[in-house]
Amino acid sequence: MARGWESKSVEEQQSQATASETRPGPRPTPDQIARQRQRQGLHLSRARVIQQLETAQNPHHRQMLESALADLDAQLARLG
């Protein structure tokens, strides 16, 4: 039974050591994390709109998508 506990402890120590090595530098603030997530969401939305634009044939639908793309670009520019 002692070996089981010992091996779990070693595994835990190894995983903690690997986790601490992968995060050098200061941790991001909650505000920075929120901005990063928002930026990622905008990039995903932008990619989806571009994909839809490539296949859109209706002129009104294309116009709506182009407007959405411009809005997403403006939001990304505001985020910096």
N, C-alpha and C. Protein backbone atom coordinates (compact mmCIF):
# COMPACT_ATOMS: atom_id res chain seq x y z
N MET A 1 0.82 -1.18 0.00
CA MET A 1 0.00 0.00 0.00
C MET A 1 0.87 1.26 0.00
N ALA A 2 2.00 1.19 0.66
CA ALA A 2 2.88 2.35 0.73
C ALA A 2 3.42 2.71 -0.65
N ARG A 3 3.66 1.72 -1.49
CA ARG A 3 4.18 2.01 -2.83
C ARG A 3 3.15 2.78 -3.65
N GLY A 4 1.89 2.44 -3.51
CA GLY A 4 0.84 3.14 -4.25
C GLY A 4 0.81 4.61 -3.91
N TRP A 5 0.88 4.91 -2.62
CA TRP A 5 0.88 6.32 -2.20
C TRP A 5 2.14 7.03 -2.67
N GLU A 6 3.24 6.30 -2.62
CA GLU A 6 4.51 6.89 -3.01
C GLU A 6 4.51 7.24 -4.50
N SER A 7 4.02 6.34 -5.32
CA SER A 7 4.02 6.60 -6.76
C SER A 7 3.07 7.74 -7.11
N LYS A 8 1.95 7.85 -6.41
CA LYS A 8 1.03 8.96 -6.66
C LYS A 8 1.69 10.28 -6.30
N SER A 9 2.42 10.28 -5.22
CA SER A 9 3.10 11.50 -4.80
C SER A 9 4.14 11.91 -5.83
N VAL A 10 4.87 10.96 -6.36
CA VAL A 10 5.88 11.26 -7.36
C VAL A 10 5.22 11.80 -8.62
N GLU A 11 4.12 11.18 -9.06
CA GLU A 11 3.40 11.65 -10.24
C GLU A 11 2.90 13.08 -10.03
N GLU A 12 2.39 13.33 -8.85
CA GLU A 12 1.88 14.67 -8.54
C GLU A 12 3.01 15.70 -8.57
N GLN A 13 4.15 15.35 -8.01
CA GLN A 13 5.30 16.26 -8.01
C GLN A 13 5.78 16.51 -9.44
N GLN A 14 5.78 15.48 -10.27
CA GLN A 14 6.22 15.65 -11.65
C GLN A 14 5.25 16.54 -12.42
N SER A 15 3.96 16.35 -12.22
CA SER A 15 2.98 17.17 -12.94
C SER A 15 3.04 18.62 -12.48
N GLN A 16 3.29 18.84 -11.20
CA GLN A 16 3.42 20.21 -10.71
C GLN A 16 4.69 20.87 -11.26
N ALA A 17 5.75 20.11 -11.36
CA ALA A 17 7.00 20.66 -11.91
C ALA A 17 6.82 21.01 -13.37
N THR A 18 6.12 20.18 -14.13
CA THR A 18 5.89 20.47 -15.55
C THR A 18 4.98 21.67 -15.69
N ALA A 19 3.96 21.77 -14.85
CA ALA A 19 3.04 22.90 -14.94
C ALA A 19 3.75 24.21 -14.62
N SER A 20 4.65 24.20 -13.66
CA SER A 20 5.34 25.43 -13.30
C SER A 20 6.35 25.82 -14.38
N GLU A 21 6.87 24.86 -15.12
CA GLU A 21 7.82 25.16 -16.19
C GLU A 21 7.12 25.75 -17.41
N THR A 22 5.87 25.40 -17.64
CA THR A 22 5.17 25.88 -18.83
C THR A 22 4.62 27.28 -18.66
N ARG A 23 4.63 27.84 -17.46
CA ARG A 23 4.08 29.17 -17.24
C ARG A 23 5.15 30.13 -16.71
N PRO A 24 6.12 30.49 -17.55
CA PRO A 24 7.11 31.45 -17.07
C PRO A 24 6.52 32.86 -17.05
N GLY A 25 7.06 33.68 -16.20
CA GLY A 25 6.62 35.07 -16.15
C GLY A 25 5.41 35.27 -15.26
N PRO A 26 4.97 36.52 -15.17
CA PRO A 26 3.84 36.83 -14.31
C PRO A 26 2.52 36.31 -14.89
N ARG A 27 1.61 36.01 -14.02
CA ARG A 27 0.30 35.54 -14.45
C ARG A 27 -0.52 36.70 -14.99
N PRO A 28 -1.32 36.45 -16.02
CA PRO A 28 -2.17 37.52 -16.54
C PRO A 28 -3.28 37.87 -15.56
N THR A 29 -3.68 39.12 -15.57
CA THR A 29 -4.76 39.57 -14.70
C THR A 29 -6.09 39.07 -15.25
N PRO A 30 -7.13 39.06 -14.44
CA PRO A 30 -8.45 38.65 -14.94
C PRO A 30 -8.91 39.51 -16.12
N ASP A 31 -8.56 40.80 -16.11
CA ASP A 31 -8.94 41.67 -17.21
C ASP A 31 -8.21 41.26 -18.49
N GLN A 32 -6.94 40.91 -18.37
CA GLN A 32 -6.17 40.47 -19.54
C GLN A 32 -6.73 39.16 -20.09
N ILE A 33 -7.11 38.27 -19.21
CA ILE A 33 -7.69 36.99 -19.64
C ILE A 33 -9.01 37.23 -20.37
N ALA A 34 -9.84 38.12 -19.84
CA ALA A 34 -11.12 38.42 -20.47
C ALA A 34 -10.92 39.03 -21.85
N ARG A 35 -9.95 39.94 -21.97
CA ARG A 35 -9.68 40.55 -23.28
C ARG A 35 -9.16 39.51 -24.27
N GLN A 36 -8.33 38.61 -23.80
CA GLN A 36 -7.80 37.56 -24.66
C GLN A 36 -8.92 36.65 -25.16
N ARG A 37 -9.83 36.28 -24.27
CA ARG A 37 -10.96 35.44 -24.67
C ARG A 37 -11.87 36.17 -25.64
N GLN A 38 -12.09 37.45 -25.39
CA GLN A 38 -12.93 38.23 -26.29
C GLN A 38 -12.27 38.32 -27.67
N ARG A 39 -10.97 38.56 -27.69
CA ARG A 39 -10.23 38.63 -28.96
C ARG A 39 -10.31 37.30 -29.71
N GLN A 40 -10.16 36.19 -28.98
CA GLN A 40 -10.24 34.88 -29.63
C GLN A 40 -11.64 34.64 -30.20
N GLY A 41 -12.65 35.03 -29.46
CA GLY A 41 -14.03 34.89 -29.95
C GLY A 41 -14.27 35.71 -31.20
N LEU A 42 -13.73 36.93 -31.22
CA LEU A 42 -13.89 37.78 -32.40
C LEU A 42 -13.16 37.18 -33.60
N HIS A 43 -11.99 36.61 -33.38
CA HIS A 43 -11.25 35.99 -34.48
C HIS A 43 -12.01 34.78 -35.02
N LEU A 44 -12.62 34.00 -34.14
CA LEU A 44 -13.41 32.86 -34.59
C LEU A 44 -14.63 33.32 -35.39
N SER A 45 -15.29 34.35 -34.89
CA SER A 45 -16.45 34.88 -35.60
C SER A 45 -16.04 35.42 -36.96
N ARG A 46 -14.93 36.09 -37.00
CA ARG A 46 -14.43 36.66 -38.27
C ARG A 46 -14.14 35.54 -39.27
N ALA A 47 -13.52 34.47 -38.82
CA ALA A 47 -13.23 33.35 -39.71
C ALA A 47 -14.52 32.73 -40.24
N ARG A 48 -15.52 32.62 -39.39
CA ARG A 48 -16.80 32.05 -39.82
C ARG A 48 -17.48 32.94 -40.86
N VAL A 49 -17.45 34.26 -40.63
CA VAL A 49 -18.06 35.19 -41.58
C VAL A 49 -17.33 35.14 -42.92
N ILE A 50 -16.01 35.06 -42.90
CA ILE A 50 -15.24 34.98 -44.14
C ILE A 50 -15.60 33.70 -44.89
N GLN A 51 -15.74 32.61 -44.18
CA GLN A 51 -16.10 31.33 -44.81
C GLN A 51 -17.49 31.44 -45.45
N GLN A 52 -18.43 32.08 -44.76
CA GLN A 52 -19.77 32.25 -45.31
C GLN A 52 -19.76 33.19 -46.51
N LEU A 53 -18.90 34.20 -46.47
CA LEU A 53 -18.80 35.13 -47.59
C LEU A 53 -18.32 34.43 -48.86
N GLU A 54 -17.44 33.46 -48.71
CA GLU A 54 -16.91 32.74 -49.86
C GLU A 54 -17.99 31.96 -50.60
N THR A 55 -19.02 31.55 -49.90
CA THR A 55 -20.06 30.73 -50.53
C THR A 55 -21.36 31.49 -50.75
N ALA A 56 -21.49 32.68 -50.21
CA ALA A 56 -22.75 33.43 -50.33
C ALA A 56 -22.97 33.89 -51.76
N GLN A 57 -24.20 33.72 -52.24
CA GLN A 57 -24.53 34.13 -53.60
C GLN A 57 -25.57 35.25 -53.61
N ASN A 58 -26.40 35.32 -52.62
CA ASN A 58 -27.43 36.36 -52.54
C ASN A 58 -26.76 37.69 -52.21
N PRO A 59 -26.99 38.73 -53.04
CA PRO A 59 -26.33 40.02 -52.81
C PRO A 59 -26.67 40.65 -51.45
N HIS A 60 -27.90 40.47 -51.00
CA HIS A 60 -28.28 41.04 -49.70
C HIS A 60 -27.57 40.31 -48.56
N HIS A 61 -27.45 39.01 -48.70
CA HIS A 61 -26.74 38.23 -47.69
C HIS A 61 -25.25 38.60 -47.67
N ARG A 62 -24.66 38.76 -48.85
CA ARG A 62 -23.25 39.17 -48.94
C ARG A 62 -23.04 40.54 -48.28
N GLN A 63 -23.99 41.46 -48.51
CA GLN A 63 -23.88 42.79 -47.93
C GLN A 63 -23.94 42.71 -46.40
N MET A 64 -24.83 41.87 -45.90
CA MET A 64 -24.94 41.70 -44.45
C MET A 64 -23.64 41.13 -43.88
N LEU A 65 -23.08 40.14 -44.57
CA LEU A 65 -21.84 39.52 -44.11
C LEU A 65 -20.67 40.51 -44.16
N GLU A 66 -20.61 41.32 -45.20
CA GLU A 66 -19.55 42.32 -45.31
C GLU A 66 -19.67 43.36 -44.19
N SER A 67 -20.90 43.71 -43.86
CA SER A 67 -21.12 44.64 -42.75
C SER A 67 -20.68 44.02 -41.42
N ALA A 68 -21.00 42.75 -41.24
CA ALA A 68 -20.60 42.04 -40.02
C ALA A 68 -19.08 41.94 -39.94
N LEU A 69 -18.44 41.70 -41.07
CA LEU A 69 -16.98 41.60 -41.11
C LEU A 69 -16.35 42.95 -40.73
N ALA A 70 -16.90 44.03 -41.25
CA ALA A 70 -16.38 45.36 -40.92
C ALA A 70 -16.55 45.65 -39.43
N ASP A 71 -17.68 45.24 -38.88
CA ASP A 71 -17.93 45.45 -37.45
C ASP A 71 -16.95 44.64 -36.60
N LEU A 72 -16.70 43.40 -37.00
CA LEU A 72 -15.74 42.56 -36.26
C LEU A 72 -14.34 43.16 -36.34
N ASP A 73 -13.96 43.66 -37.51
CA ASP A 73 -12.65 44.29 -37.65
C ASP A 73 -12.53 45.53 -36.76
N ALA A 74 -13.61 46.30 -36.67
CA ALA A 74 -13.60 47.49 -35.81
C ALA A 74 -13.46 47.10 -34.34
N GLN A 75 -14.15 46.05 -33.94
CA GLN A 75 -14.05 45.59 -32.55
C GLN A 75 -12.63 45.11 -32.24
N LEU A 76 -12.03 44.38 -33.18
CA LEU A 76 -10.66 43.90 -32.98
C LEU A 76 -9.69 45.08 -32.90
N ALA A 77 -9.92 46.11 -33.70
CA ALA A 77 -9.05 47.29 -33.67
C ALA A 77 -9.16 48.00 -32.33
N ARG A 78 -10.35 48.05 -31.77
CA ARG A 78 -10.55 48.69 -30.45
C ARG A 78 -9.83 47.93 -29.34
N LEU A 79 -9.80 46.60 -29.47
CA LEU A 79 -9.12 45.79 -28.45
C LEU A 79 -7.61 45.94 -28.53
N GLY A 80 -7.12 46.26 -29.71
CA GLY A 80 -5.68 46.47 -29.87
C GLY A 80 -4.95 45.29 -30.19
